[in-house]
Amino acid sequence: MTINELQIQVDNWIKKYGVRYFSELTNMACLTEEVGELARIMARKYGDQSFKEDEKNKDLGDEMADILWVLICLANQTGVDLEAAMQKNIEKKTTRDSSRHLNNKKLTSI
C-alpha cells in the first residue's frame, strides 16, 4: 500500500465511521499522546525500565500504527501529500547528508 493509498483509506474511514476529523489541535495532542505510548514501550523493552504487569502485552507495531494514523489525519486535514513530502524530504537529506554520516567517526569506529 502506498502512502497516498493510506491517506485515502484513512479519509474514507473517517467519513464512514468517524463522523468527522477531530480538530487539528486535538489531533496534535493525540499524536503527542501516541508518541508517549510508544516511548513507554520502548523504554521498557529496550531501556532500563521494566514492564508493569498490565503492560506486558502491549504491541509495538500497533502503537506505531496509531502514530501513523494520527499523522495521516493531520496530513489530510492540512492538505499535505505525505508521499510527495517524504520524497522531497529524502532528497533534502541526501543532498545535505550524503557524506556527513559516512565521515562521522562516532558511527564508523564501531
N, C-alpha and C. Protein backbone atom coordinates (compact mmCIF):
# COMPACT_ATOMS: atom_id res chain seq x y z
N MET A 1 0.85 -1.18 0.00
CA MET A 1 0.00 0.00 0.00
C MET A 1 0.89 1.24 0.00
N THR A 2 0.58 2.19 -0.85
CA THR A 2 1.35 3.43 -0.89
C THR A 2 0.88 4.38 0.22
N ILE A 3 1.66 5.39 0.45
CA ILE A 3 1.26 6.40 1.44
C ILE A 3 0.00 7.12 0.97
N ASN A 4 -0.07 7.41 -0.33
CA ASN A 4 -1.28 8.06 -0.86
C ASN A 4 -2.51 7.18 -0.65
N GLU A 5 -2.36 5.87 -0.87
CA GLU A 5 -3.48 4.96 -0.64
C GLU A 5 -3.88 4.94 0.84
N LEU A 6 -2.90 5.01 1.74
CA LEU A 6 -3.20 5.10 3.17
C LEU A 6 -3.98 6.37 3.48
N GLN A 7 -3.57 7.48 2.89
CA GLN A 7 -4.28 8.73 3.15
C GLN A 7 -5.73 8.64 2.69
N ILE A 8 -5.96 8.01 1.56
CA ILE A 8 -7.33 7.84 1.06
C ILE A 8 -8.12 6.90 1.96
N GLN A 9 -7.49 5.80 2.38
CA GLN A 9 -8.18 4.83 3.23
C GLN A 9 -8.57 5.43 4.58
N VAL A 10 -7.67 6.20 5.17
CA VAL A 10 -7.99 6.85 6.45
C VAL A 10 -9.11 7.86 6.24
N ASP A 11 -9.04 8.64 5.18
CA ASP A 11 -10.08 9.62 4.91
C ASP A 11 -11.45 8.94 4.73
N ASN A 12 -11.46 7.84 3.99
CA ASN A 12 -12.71 7.10 3.80
C ASN A 12 -13.25 6.56 5.11
N TRP A 13 -12.36 6.06 5.98
CA TRP A 13 -12.79 5.54 7.28
C TRP A 13 -13.40 6.66 8.13
N ILE A 14 -12.72 7.80 8.14
CA ILE A 14 -13.23 8.94 8.93
C ILE A 14 -14.63 9.32 8.44
N LYS A 15 -14.80 9.39 7.13
CA LYS A 15 -16.10 9.78 6.57
C LYS A 15 -17.18 8.74 6.85
N LYS A 16 -16.81 7.46 6.90
CA LYS A 16 -17.79 6.39 7.11
C LYS A 16 -18.08 6.13 8.59
N TYR A 17 -17.03 6.12 9.42
CA TYR A 17 -17.20 5.72 10.82
C TYR A 17 -16.88 6.81 11.84
N GLY A 18 -16.09 7.75 11.47
CA GLY A 18 -15.59 8.72 12.44
C GLY A 18 -16.40 9.99 12.56
N VAL A 19 -17.42 10.13 11.80
CA VAL A 19 -18.28 11.31 11.74
C VAL A 19 -17.54 12.48 11.09
N ARG A 20 -16.42 12.88 11.69
CA ARG A 20 -15.58 13.95 11.12
C ARG A 20 -14.21 13.85 11.78
N TYR A 21 -13.27 14.57 11.20
CA TYR A 21 -11.94 14.64 11.82
C TYR A 21 -12.04 15.43 13.12
N PHE A 22 -11.24 15.02 14.12
CA PHE A 22 -11.06 15.88 15.29
C PHE A 22 -10.37 17.15 14.79
N SER A 23 -10.41 18.22 15.56
CA SER A 23 -9.72 19.44 15.15
C SER A 23 -8.22 19.17 15.04
N GLU A 24 -7.55 20.01 14.29
CA GLU A 24 -6.11 19.85 14.11
C GLU A 24 -5.36 19.88 15.45
N LEU A 25 -5.79 20.78 16.33
CA LEU A 25 -5.12 20.86 17.64
C LEU A 25 -5.39 19.62 18.48
N THR A 26 -6.60 19.09 18.42
CA THR A 26 -6.89 17.85 19.14
C THR A 26 -6.05 16.71 18.58
N ASN A 27 -5.96 16.63 17.26
CA ASN A 27 -5.14 15.57 16.66
C ASN A 27 -3.66 15.74 17.00
N MET A 28 -3.20 16.98 17.11
CA MET A 28 -1.81 17.18 17.52
C MET A 28 -1.59 16.66 18.93
N ALA A 29 -2.55 16.90 19.81
CA ALA A 29 -2.46 16.37 21.18
C ALA A 29 -2.53 14.84 21.15
N CYS A 30 -3.38 14.28 20.31
CA CYS A 30 -3.47 12.82 20.19
C CYS A 30 -2.15 12.24 19.68
N LEU A 31 -1.53 12.91 18.72
CA LEU A 31 -0.24 12.46 18.20
C LEU A 31 0.81 12.43 19.30
N THR A 32 0.84 13.47 20.10
CA THR A 32 1.78 13.54 21.21
C THR A 32 1.52 12.41 22.20
N GLU A 33 0.26 12.15 22.48
CA GLU A 33 -0.11 11.06 23.39
C GLU A 33 0.34 9.71 22.84
N GLU A 34 0.12 9.48 21.55
CA GLU A 34 0.51 8.21 20.94
C GLU A 34 2.02 8.03 20.94
N VAL A 35 2.76 9.10 20.68
CA VAL A 35 4.23 9.02 20.72
C VAL A 35 4.68 8.68 22.14
N GLY A 36 4.01 9.23 23.14
CA GLY A 36 4.31 8.90 24.53
C GLY A 36 4.08 7.43 24.83
N GLU A 37 3.01 6.86 24.27
CA GLU A 37 2.73 5.44 24.49
C GLU A 37 3.82 4.58 23.85
N LEU A 38 4.27 4.97 22.67
CA LEU A 38 5.38 4.25 22.03
C LEU A 38 6.65 4.38 22.87
N ALA A 39 6.92 5.58 23.35
CA ALA A 39 8.12 5.81 24.17
C ALA A 39 8.09 4.95 25.42
N ARG A 40 6.93 4.80 26.01
CA ARG A 40 6.79 3.98 27.22
C ARG A 40 7.18 2.53 26.94
N ILE A 41 6.71 1.98 25.83
CA ILE A 41 7.05 0.61 25.47
C ILE A 41 8.54 0.49 25.16
N MET A 42 9.07 1.45 24.40
CA MET A 42 10.50 1.41 24.04
C MET A 42 11.38 1.46 25.29
N ALA A 43 11.01 2.31 26.25
CA ALA A 43 11.80 2.45 27.47
C ALA A 43 11.81 1.16 28.27
N ARG A 44 10.73 0.41 28.18
CA ARG A 44 10.64 -0.83 28.94
C ARG A 44 11.23 -2.02 28.19
N LYS A 45 11.05 -2.04 26.88
CA LYS A 45 11.55 -3.17 26.10
C LYS A 45 13.04 -3.05 25.80
N TYR A 46 13.50 -1.84 25.50
CA TYR A 46 14.89 -1.66 25.09
C TYR A 46 15.71 -0.86 26.09
N GLY A 47 15.05 -0.23 27.03
CA GLY A 47 15.73 0.59 28.03
C GLY A 47 15.84 -0.13 29.35
N ASP A 48 16.01 0.65 30.38
CA ASP A 48 16.28 0.10 31.71
C ASP A 48 15.05 -0.12 32.56
N GLN A 49 13.91 0.39 32.13
CA GLN A 49 12.70 0.21 32.93
C GLN A 49 12.08 -1.15 32.68
N SER A 50 11.29 -1.62 33.63
CA SER A 50 10.59 -2.89 33.48
C SER A 50 9.10 -2.64 33.27
N PHE A 51 8.46 -3.60 32.64
CA PHE A 51 7.02 -3.50 32.40
C PHE A 51 6.25 -3.72 33.69
N LYS A 52 5.15 -3.00 33.83
CA LYS A 52 4.17 -3.33 34.86
C LYS A 52 3.40 -4.53 34.34
N GLU A 53 2.76 -5.26 35.23
CA GLU A 53 2.08 -6.49 34.84
C GLU A 53 1.06 -6.26 33.71
N ASP A 54 0.31 -5.18 33.79
CA ASP A 54 -0.73 -4.92 32.78
C ASP A 54 -0.19 -4.33 31.48
N GLU A 55 1.12 -4.10 31.39
CA GLU A 55 1.72 -3.53 30.18
C GLU A 55 2.46 -4.58 29.34
N LYS A 56 2.58 -5.77 29.83
CA LYS A 56 3.44 -6.76 29.19
C LYS A 56 2.98 -7.17 27.79
N ASN A 57 1.72 -7.02 27.47
CA ASN A 57 1.22 -7.46 26.17
C ASN A 57 1.02 -6.31 25.18
N LYS A 58 1.61 -5.18 25.45
CA LYS A 58 1.48 -4.04 24.54
C LYS A 58 2.17 -4.37 23.21
N ASP A 59 1.55 -3.97 22.13
CA ASP A 59 2.02 -4.29 20.78
C ASP A 59 2.74 -3.07 20.20
N LEU A 60 4.04 -3.21 20.00
CA LEU A 60 4.87 -2.13 19.47
C LEU A 60 4.37 -1.66 18.10
N GLY A 61 4.07 -2.61 17.23
CA GLY A 61 3.58 -2.27 15.89
C GLY A 61 2.26 -1.53 15.92
N ASP A 62 1.38 -1.92 16.83
CA ASP A 62 0.08 -1.25 16.96
C ASP A 62 0.27 0.19 17.40
N GLU A 63 1.19 0.42 18.32
CA GLU A 63 1.46 1.79 18.78
C GLU A 63 2.03 2.63 17.64
N MET A 64 2.92 2.05 16.83
CA MET A 64 3.46 2.78 15.68
C MET A 64 2.35 3.09 14.67
N ALA A 65 1.45 2.14 14.48
CA ALA A 65 0.33 2.35 13.56
C ALA A 65 -0.59 3.45 14.07
N ASP A 66 -0.79 3.52 15.38
CA ASP A 66 -1.59 4.62 15.95
C ASP A 66 -0.98 5.97 15.62
N ILE A 67 0.34 6.06 15.71
CA ILE A 67 1.04 7.31 15.39
C ILE A 67 0.85 7.64 13.91
N LEU A 68 1.03 6.65 13.05
CA LEU A 68 0.86 6.87 11.62
C LEU A 68 -0.56 7.31 11.30
N TRP A 69 -1.54 6.69 11.95
CA TRP A 69 -2.95 7.05 11.74
C TRP A 69 -3.18 8.54 12.01
N VAL A 70 -2.74 9.00 13.18
CA VAL A 70 -2.99 10.39 13.55
C VAL A 70 -2.20 11.33 12.64
N LEU A 71 -0.98 10.94 12.29
CA LEU A 71 -0.18 11.76 11.37
C LEU A 71 -0.88 11.88 10.01
N ILE A 72 -1.44 10.79 9.54
CA ILE A 72 -2.19 10.82 8.28
C ILE A 72 -3.42 11.71 8.41
N CYS A 73 -4.11 11.63 9.54
CA CYS A 73 -5.25 12.53 9.76
C CYS A 73 -4.82 13.98 9.65
N LEU A 74 -3.72 14.33 10.31
CA LEU A 74 -3.22 15.71 10.25
C LEU A 74 -2.84 16.10 8.83
N ALA A 75 -2.22 15.20 8.09
CA ALA A 75 -1.86 15.48 6.70
C ALA A 75 -3.12 15.72 5.87
N ASN A 76 -4.11 14.86 6.04
CA ASN A 76 -5.35 15.03 5.29
C ASN A 76 -6.02 16.35 5.61
N GLN A 77 -6.04 16.71 6.88
CA GLN A 77 -6.70 17.94 7.30
C GLN A 77 -6.00 19.19 6.78
N THR A 78 -4.69 19.11 6.63
CA THR A 78 -3.92 20.30 6.26
C THR A 78 -3.50 20.30 4.80
N GLY A 79 -3.98 19.31 4.04
CA GLY A 79 -3.71 19.27 2.61
C GLY A 79 -2.30 18.84 2.25
N VAL A 80 -1.63 18.08 3.11
CA VAL A 80 -0.27 17.62 2.83
C VAL A 80 -0.33 16.26 2.14
N ASP A 81 0.34 16.17 1.01
CA ASP A 81 0.54 14.89 0.31
C ASP A 81 1.79 14.27 0.93
N LEU A 82 1.59 13.32 1.84
CA LEU A 82 2.71 12.75 2.58
C LEU A 82 3.71 12.03 1.67
N GLU A 83 3.23 11.39 0.63
CA GLU A 83 4.13 10.69 -0.28
C GLU A 83 5.08 11.69 -0.95
N ALA A 84 4.53 12.79 -1.44
CA ALA A 84 5.38 13.82 -2.07
C ALA A 84 6.29 14.47 -1.04
N ALA A 85 5.76 14.71 0.15
CA ALA A 85 6.57 15.33 1.21
C ALA A 85 7.74 14.42 1.61
N MET A 86 7.48 13.11 1.69
CA MET A 86 8.55 12.18 2.04
C MET A 86 9.62 12.14 0.96
N GLN A 87 9.21 12.14 -0.29
CA GLN A 87 10.18 12.12 -1.38
C GLN A 87 11.06 13.37 -1.33
N LYS A 88 10.42 14.51 -1.13
CA LYS A 88 11.16 15.77 -1.02
C LYS A 88 12.10 15.75 0.18
N ASN A 89 11.65 15.17 1.29
CA ASN A 89 12.46 15.09 2.50
C ASN A 89 13.67 14.18 2.31
N ILE A 90 13.47 13.06 1.61
CA ILE A 90 14.59 12.15 1.33
C ILE A 90 15.62 12.85 0.45
N GLU A 91 15.15 13.58 -0.55
CA GLU A 91 16.06 14.32 -1.42
C GLU A 91 16.84 15.36 -0.64
N LYS A 92 16.17 16.07 0.27
CA LYS A 92 16.83 17.07 1.12
C LYS A 92 17.92 16.41 1.97
N LYS A 93 17.58 15.31 2.60
CA LYS A 93 18.54 14.62 3.46
C LYS A 93 19.72 14.08 2.65
N THR A 94 19.45 13.57 1.46
CA THR A 94 20.51 13.04 0.60
C THR A 94 21.47 14.15 0.20
N THR A 95 20.94 15.29 -0.18
CA THR A 95 21.79 16.42 -0.55
C THR A 95 22.59 16.93 0.64
N ARG A 96 21.93 17.08 1.76
CA ARG A 96 22.56 17.65 2.95
C ARG A 96 23.53 16.69 3.62
N ASP A 97 23.18 15.41 3.64
CA ASP A 97 23.92 14.45 4.47
C ASP A 97 24.62 13.35 3.68
N SER A 98 24.84 13.57 2.38
CA SER A 98 25.38 12.48 1.56
C SER A 98 26.71 11.93 2.06
N SER A 99 27.53 12.76 2.69
CA SER A 99 28.80 12.24 3.23
C SER A 99 28.92 12.46 4.72
N ARG A 100 28.02 13.20 5.29
CA ARG A 100 28.09 13.55 6.72
C ARG A 100 28.19 12.32 7.62
N HIS A 101 27.31 11.36 7.45
CA HIS A 101 27.30 10.19 8.32
C HIS A 101 28.42 9.22 7.97
N LEU A 102 28.75 9.13 6.67
CA LEU A 102 29.85 8.26 6.26
C LEU A 102 31.18 8.72 6.85
N ASN A 103 31.31 10.02 7.08
CA ASN A 103 32.55 10.58 7.63
C ASN A 103 32.49 10.80 9.14
N ASN A 104 31.44 10.34 9.78
CA ASN A 104 31.29 10.53 11.21
C ASN A 104 32.00 9.40 11.95
N LYS A 105 33.12 9.71 12.57
CA LYS A 105 33.91 8.70 13.28
C LYS A 105 33.12 8.04 14.40
N LYS A 106 32.15 8.75 14.96
CA LYS A 106 31.31 8.17 16.02
C LYS A 106 30.49 7.00 15.48
N LEU A 107 30.14 7.05 14.19
CA LEU A 107 29.32 6.00 13.60
C LEU A 107 30.18 4.90 12.98
N THR A 108 31.34 5.25 12.45
CA THR A 108 32.13 4.29 11.70
C THR A 108 33.23 3.61 12.51
N SER A 109 33.43 4.02 13.76
CA SER A 109 34.52 3.44 14.54
C SER A 109 34.11 2.20 15.32
N ILE A 110 32.88 1.76 15.18
CA ILE A 110 32.41 0.61 15.95
C ILE A 110 32.88 -0.68 15.33
